[in-house]
Amino acid sequence: MHKKFFIVIAIVLASAAGLATAATQRYGGGGRFGRHGGMLKRMTRELNLTEAQQTQIKSIMMAEKEKVQPLRQQLRQNEQAENNAINGTFDQAHALAFAGKQSQIMNDLIVEKERTKSQIYAVLTPDQRQKAQQLMQEHKQSWGQHRHKKSQPTQQTPEQ
């Protein structure tokens, strides 16, 4: 039973580390919101944004960046501290505390992302909102197909 519990904790920690890494990539450093200019350009092109809308959305995105930057930094610092504390022994209470801290920061990042989406949607016209929903659905389907394709084993043809 002790071995199973250790395995579960290891999986939880690995998941938390993976989420932390994903968050730092997604919420900065070239991720989805990391390069606001690229995202804004695409939104402008796809949704036919007016100059006023572009200005408002750029302001929203800059405010979001200021809010999530400290959270991303906190994720990285916690991860670094945890990696520096590895000494070959397992401390369950410490591992759970680390996972809890990282989870809370991830929750805060998700809340900020949703707040930003809501603020951006408020700037859009009803037609633009509908188009944005359609584009997101298409992206989701395309991404799902891409993931499915990658998960399929490649078939090799027999050599002749």
Protein backbone atom coordinates (compact mmCIF):
# COMPACT_ATOMS: atom_id res chain seq x y z
CA MET A 1 0.00 0.00 0.00
CA HIS A 2 2.85 2.40 0.79
CA LYS A 3 4.28 1.80 -2.68
CA LYS A 4 0.95 2.60 -4.37
CA PHE A 5 0.61 5.78 -2.35
CA PHE A 6 4.12 6.86 -3.33
CA ILE A 7 3.30 6.23 -6.99
CA VAL A 8 0.11 8.32 -6.74
CA ILE A 9 2.03 11.19 -5.12
CA ALA A 10 4.72 10.96 -7.81
CA ILE A 11 2.05 11.18 -10.50
CA VAL A 12 0.44 14.19 -8.80
CA LEU A 13 3.80 15.96 -8.57
CA ALA A 14 4.63 15.16 -12.18
CA SER A 15 1.24 16.52 -13.23
CA ALA A 16 1.74 19.69 -11.19
CA ALA A 17 5.18 20.18 -12.73
CA GLY A 18 3.72 19.64 -16.20
CA LEU A 19 0.92 22.12 -15.55
CA ALA A 20 3.39 24.66 -14.24
CA THR A 21 5.54 24.27 -17.33
CA ALA A 22 2.52 24.50 -19.60
CA ALA A 23 1.31 27.61 -17.80
CA THR A 24 4.61 29.38 -18.08
CA GLN A 25 4.72 28.60 -21.79
CA ARG A 26 1.06 29.41 -22.46
CA TYR A 27 0.83 32.59 -20.44
CA GLY A 28 4.09 34.16 -21.47
CA GLY A 29 7.33 33.79 -23.28
CA GLY A 30 5.85 33.54 -26.75
CA GLY A 31 2.74 31.61 -25.82
CA ARG A 32 -0.82 32.49 -26.63
CA PHE A 33 -0.82 35.76 -24.70
CA GLY A 34 2.93 36.27 -24.64
CA ARG A 35 3.08 38.10 -27.93
CA HIS A 36 0.08 40.35 -27.82
CA GLY A 37 0.85 41.90 -31.17
CA GLY A 38 0.50 38.62 -33.06
CA MET A 39 -2.76 37.71 -31.40
CA LEU A 40 -4.17 41.20 -31.90
CA LYS A 41 -3.17 41.18 -35.57
CA ARG A 42 -4.91 37.87 -36.11
CA MET A 43 -8.03 39.05 -34.29
CA THR A 44 -8.00 42.24 -36.36
CA ARG A 45 -7.74 40.27 -39.58
CA GLU A 46 -10.22 37.51 -38.71
CA LEU A 47 -12.83 39.66 -36.94
CA ASN A 48 -12.36 42.92 -38.87
CA LEU A 49 -11.75 44.96 -35.71
CA THR A 50 -12.05 48.73 -35.81
CA GLU A 51 -9.20 50.97 -34.63
CA ALA A 52 -11.14 51.70 -31.43
CA GLN A 53 -11.63 47.99 -30.75
CA GLN A 54 -7.95 47.31 -31.37
CA THR A 55 -6.99 50.02 -28.89
CA GLN A 56 -9.38 48.68 -26.24
CA ILE A 57 -8.27 45.07 -26.71
CA LYS A 58 -4.60 46.03 -26.63
CA SER A 59 -5.23 47.81 -23.33
CA ILE A 60 -7.03 44.75 -21.92
CA MET A 61 -4.19 42.47 -22.99
CA MET A 62 -1.53 44.71 -21.48
CA ALA A 63 -3.40 44.80 -18.17
CA GLU A 64 -3.70 40.99 -18.28
CA LYS A 65 0.02 40.68 -18.92
CA GLU A 66 0.77 42.80 -15.85
CA LYS A 67 -1.49 40.58 -13.71
CA VAL A 68 -0.19 37.20 -14.87
CA GLN A 69 3.53 38.02 -15.05
CA PRO A 70 3.99 37.80 -11.25
CA LEU A 71 2.00 34.55 -11.20
CA ARG A 72 4.17 33.03 -13.92
CA GLN A 73 7.26 34.14 -12.03
CA GLN A 74 5.89 32.57 -8.85
CA LEU A 75 5.31 29.26 -10.65
CA ARG A 76 8.89 29.26 -11.92
CA GLN A 77 10.33 30.21 -8.52
CA ASN A 78 8.35 27.49 -6.74
CA GLU A 79 9.49 24.94 -9.32
CA GLN A 80 13.11 26.05 -8.95
CA ALA A 81 12.94 25.90 -5.16
CA GLU A 82 11.39 22.44 -5.32
CA ASN A 83 14.08 21.20 -7.71
CA ASN A 84 16.81 22.67 -5.48
CA ALA A 85 15.33 20.91 -2.43
CA ILE A 86 15.58 17.40 -3.92
CA ASN A 87 17.74 15.35 -1.59
CA GLY A 88 16.75 11.75 -2.23
CA THR A 89 14.13 11.49 0.49
CA PHE A 90 10.41 11.87 0.07
CA ASP A 91 8.46 14.20 2.35
CA GLN A 92 4.76 13.75 1.64
CA ALA A 93 3.66 16.85 3.52
CA HIS A 94 6.17 18.97 1.61
CA ALA A 95 5.11 17.44 -1.71
CA LEU A 96 1.45 18.11 -1.00
CA ALA A 97 2.22 21.68 0.04
CA PHE A 98 4.15 22.24 -3.21
CA ALA A 99 1.34 20.75 -5.29
CA GLY A 100 -1.19 22.92 -3.45
CA LYS A 101 0.80 26.12 -4.04
CA GLN A 102 1.22 25.38 -7.73
CA SER A 103 -2.44 24.44 -8.10
CA GLN A 104 -3.57 27.70 -6.52
CA ILE A 105 -1.38 29.72 -8.86
CA MET A 106 -2.73 27.76 -11.83
CA ASN A 107 -6.27 28.53 -10.63
CA ASP A 108 -5.39 32.23 -10.47
CA LEU A 109 -3.97 32.11 -14.00
CA ILE A 110 -7.10 30.44 -15.35
CA VAL A 111 -9.32 33.03 -13.64
CA GLU A 112 -7.28 35.85 -15.21
CA LYS A 113 -7.48 34.20 -18.63
CA GLU A 114 -11.27 33.90 -18.36
CA ARG A 115 -11.57 37.51 -17.12
CA THR A 116 -9.53 38.69 -20.10
CA LYS A 117 -11.65 36.70 -22.56
CA SER A 118 -14.80 38.19 -21.05
CA GLN A 119 -13.45 41.72 -21.30
CA ILE A 120 -12.42 41.20 -24.91
CA TYR A 121 -15.80 39.72 -25.80
CA ALA A 122 -17.49 42.80 -24.31
CA VAL A 123 -15.63 44.93 -26.88
CA LEU A 124 -16.83 42.85 -29.83
CA THR A 125 -20.05 43.30 -31.75
CA PRO A 126 -22.55 40.41 -31.74
CA ASP A 127 -21.44 39.41 -35.26
CA GLN A 128 -17.78 39.46 -34.21
CA ARG A 129 -18.59 37.35 -31.14
CA GLN A 130 -20.33 34.80 -33.32
CA LYS A 131 -17.35 34.74 -35.72
CA ALA A 132 -14.94 34.39 -32.79
CA GLN A 133 -16.93 31.43 -31.43
CA GLN A 134 -16.88 29.83 -34.86
CA LEU A 135 -13.11 30.31 -35.20
CA MET A 136 -12.50 28.86 -31.73
CA GLN A 137 -14.66 25.84 -32.56
CA GLU A 138 -12.78 25.31 -35.82
CA HIS A 139 -9.47 25.60 -33.99
CA LYS A 140 -10.64 23.13 -31.36
CA GLN A 141 -11.67 20.62 -34.03
CA SER A 142 -8.43 21.11 -35.95
CA TRP A 143 -6.39 20.67 -32.77
CA GLY A 144 -8.37 17.55 -31.85
CA GLN A 145 -7.68 16.06 -35.28
CA HIS A 146 -4.00 16.95 -34.96
CA ARG A 147 -3.77 15.29 -31.54
CA HIS A 148 -5.64 12.22 -32.79
CA LYS A 149 -3.35 11.96 -35.80
CA LYS A 150 -0.24 12.18 -33.58
CA SER A 151 -1.56 9.49 -31.23
CA GLN A 152 -2.06 7.01 -34.06
CA PRO A 153 0.86 4.61 -34.58
CA THR A 154 2.54 5.08 -37.89
CA GLN A 155 2.09 2.22 -40.28
CA GLN A 156 5.11 0.95 -42.06
CA THR A 157 4.78 -0.66 -45.42
CA PRO A 158 6.66 -3.93 -45.83
CA GLU A 159 9.75 -3.66 -47.94
CA GLN A 160 9.70 -5.48 -51.24
